[in-house]
Amino acid sequence: MYKLPKNWAEEHDALVRKFQFDAYLDGIEFVRQVAELAELVQHHPHITIDYTTVRISLQTHDAGNVITEKDIEMAVAINKL
C-alpha cells in the first residue's frame, strides 16, 4: 500500500488533484512545467484545463491503469512545482 501525496486523492484507480490559479495563463504555465517533467520521466498524466482550474490525473497504463510507484513519484514531483 502507498501513502497518498499531500493534496492528492484516489479516484477510480487514479491519483487526482485540482490546482487553482489566479489567471488562465498561470495555469497554462503550470501545465507547461508539468509537461516538461512528464517528458523527462516518460510518465504522462491526463490534464484538463478549465479556465483557472487545472486537473491532473495519474495512473500507470502499462500496469493495467492502476496507481503505481511511478504515479506517487510523479505526484510528489508535481507538488514541488
C-alpha atoms as a PDB file:
ATOM      1  CA  MET A   1       0.000   0.000   0.000  1.00  0.00           C
ATOM      2  CA  TYR A   2       1.149   3.521  -0.715  1.00  0.00           C
ATOM      3  CA  LYS A   3       0.731   6.826   1.083  1.00  0.00           C
ATOM      4  CA  LEU A   4      -1.130   9.482  -0.902  1.00  0.00           C
ATOM      5  CA  PRO A   5       0.970  12.565  -1.619  1.00  0.00           C
ATOM      6  CA  LYS A   6      -0.237  15.780   0.022  1.00  0.00           C
ATOM      7  CA  ASN A   7      -3.459  17.193  -1.531  1.00  0.00           C
ATOM      8  CA  TRP A   8      -3.949  14.208  -3.874  1.00  0.00           C
ATOM      9  CA  ALA A   9      -6.960  11.874  -3.789  1.00  0.00           C
ATOM     10  CA  GLU A  10      -7.615   8.451  -5.212  1.00  0.00           C
ATOM     11  CA  GLU A  11     -10.459   8.313  -7.737  1.00  0.00           C
ATOM     12  CA  HIS A  12     -11.230   5.290  -9.909  1.00  0.00           C
ATOM     13  CA  ASP A  13      -7.725   3.790  -9.702  1.00  0.00           C
ATOM     14  CA  ALA A  14      -6.039   7.148 -10.363  1.00  0.00           C
ATOM     15  CA  LEU A  15      -4.340   9.857  -8.329  1.00  0.00           C
ATOM     16  CA  VAL A  16      -6.172  13.141  -8.844  1.00  0.00           C
ATOM     17  CA  ARG A  17      -5.548  16.715  -7.819  1.00  0.00           C
ATOM     18  CA  LYS A  18      -7.044  20.058  -8.826  1.00  0.00           C
ATOM     19  CA  PHE A  19      -4.900  23.172  -8.865  1.00  0.00           C
ATOM     20  CA  GLN A  20      -6.473  26.632  -8.763  1.00  0.00           C
ATOM     21  CA  PHE A  21      -4.726  29.660 -10.290  1.00  0.00           C
ATOM     22  CA  ASP A  22      -5.437  33.390 -10.242  1.00  0.00           C
ATOM     23  CA  ALA A  23      -5.240  33.728 -14.016  1.00  0.00           C
ATOM     24  CA  TYR A  24      -5.666  31.474 -17.042  1.00  0.00           C
ATOM     25  CA  LEU A  25      -2.078  31.942 -18.226  1.00  0.00           C
ATOM     26  CA  ASP A  26      -0.744  30.962 -14.783  1.00  0.00           C
ATOM     27  CA  GLY A  27      -2.462  27.599 -15.191  1.00  0.00           C
ATOM     28  CA  ILE A  28      -1.107  27.246 -18.712  1.00  0.00           C
ATOM     29  CA  GLU A  29       2.440  27.911 -17.467  1.00  0.00           C
ATOM     30  CA  PHE A  30       1.967  25.282 -14.765  1.00  0.00           C
ATOM     31  CA  VAL A  31       0.789  22.767 -17.387  1.00  0.00           C
ATOM     32  CA  ARG A  32       3.880  23.551 -19.465  1.00  0.00           C
ATOM     33  CA  GLN A  33       6.078  22.743 -16.462  1.00  0.00           C
ATOM     34  CA  VAL A  34       4.179  19.503 -15.812  1.00  0.00           C
ATOM     35  CA  ALA A  35       4.577  18.568 -19.489  1.00  0.00           C
ATOM     36  CA  GLU A  36       8.341  19.106 -19.330  1.00  0.00           C
ATOM     37  CA  LEU A  37       8.551  16.948 -16.209  1.00  0.00           C
ATOM     38  CA  ALA A  38       6.412  14.252 -17.848  1.00  0.00           C
ATOM     39  CA  GLU A  39       8.675  14.152 -20.886  1.00  0.00           C
ATOM     40  CA  LEU A  40      11.752  13.948 -18.670  1.00  0.00           C
ATOM     41  CA  VAL A  41      10.492  10.915 -16.753  1.00  0.00           C
ATOM     42  CA  GLN A  42       8.374   9.478 -19.608  1.00  0.00           C
ATOM     43  CA  HIS A  43       5.224   9.304 -17.465  1.00  0.00           C
ATOM     44  CA  HIS A  44       2.402  11.407 -18.868  1.00  0.00           C
ATOM     45  CA  PRO A  45      -0.665  12.495 -16.871  1.00  0.00           C
ATOM     46  CA  HIS A  46      -4.158  13.282 -18.042  1.00  0.00           C
ATOM     47  CA  ILE A  47      -4.532  17.072 -17.836  1.00  0.00           C
ATOM     48  CA  THR A  48      -7.758  19.052 -18.008  1.00  0.00           C
ATOM     49  CA  ILE A  49      -7.755  22.857 -18.138  1.00  0.00           C
ATOM     50  CA  ASP A  50     -10.939  24.698 -17.207  1.00  0.00           C
ATOM     51  CA  TYR A  51     -10.115  28.407 -17.221  1.00  0.00           C
ATOM     52  CA  THR A  52      -8.162  28.845 -13.951  1.00  0.00           C
ATOM     53  CA  THR A  53      -8.517  25.250 -12.728  1.00  0.00           C
ATOM     54  CA  VAL A  54      -6.108  22.511 -13.799  1.00  0.00           C
ATOM     55  CA  ARG A  55      -6.994  18.905 -13.001  1.00  0.00           C
ATOM     56  CA  ILE A  56      -4.271  16.277 -13.160  1.00  0.00           C
ATOM     57  CA  SER A  57      -4.914  12.547 -13.095  1.00  0.00           C
ATOM     58  CA  LEU A  58      -2.152   9.954 -12.817  1.00  0.00           C
ATOM     59  CA  GLN A  59      -2.243   6.203 -13.395  1.00  0.00           C
ATOM     60  CA  THR A  60       0.148   3.751 -14.977  1.00  0.00           C
ATOM     61  CA  HIS A  61      -1.310   2.484 -18.242  1.00  0.00           C
ATOM     62  CA  ASP A  62       1.201  -0.303 -18.850  1.00  0.00           C
ATOM     63  CA  ALA A  63       0.377  -1.731 -15.386  1.00  0.00           C
ATOM     64  CA  GLY A  64      -3.317  -2.023 -16.187  1.00  0.00           C
ATOM     65  CA  ASN A  65      -4.453   1.538 -15.458  1.00  0.00           C
ATOM     66  CA  VAL A  66      -3.772   1.452 -11.728  1.00  0.00           C
ATOM     67  CA  ILE A  67      -1.742   3.568  -9.329  1.00  0.00           C
ATOM     68  CA  THR A  68       1.905   2.553  -9.066  1.00  0.00           C
ATOM     69  CA  GLU A  69       5.042   3.982  -7.508  1.00  0.00           C
ATOM     70  CA  LYS A  70       5.605   5.918 -10.758  1.00  0.00           C
ATOM     71  CA  ASP A  71       2.382   7.842 -10.107  1.00  0.00           C
ATOM     72  CA  ILE A  72       3.305   8.549  -6.490  1.00  0.00           C
ATOM     73  CA  GLU A  73       6.728   9.846  -7.565  1.00  0.00           C
ATOM     74  CA  MET A  74       5.187  11.997 -10.290  1.00  0.00           C
ATOM     75  CA  ALA A  75       2.614  13.457  -7.895  1.00  0.00           C
ATOM     76  CA  VAL A  76       5.346  14.350  -5.399  1.00  0.00           C
ATOM     77  CA  ALA A  77       7.369  15.998  -8.189  1.00  0.00           C
ATOM     78  CA  ILE A  78       4.321  17.951  -9.398  1.00  0.00           C
ATOM     79  CA  ASN A  79       3.711  19.164  -5.842  1.00  0.00           C
ATOM     80  CA  LYS A  80       7.204  20.683  -5.898  1.00  0.00           C
ATOM     81  CA  LEU A  81       6.404  22.783  -8.958  1.00  0.00           C
END
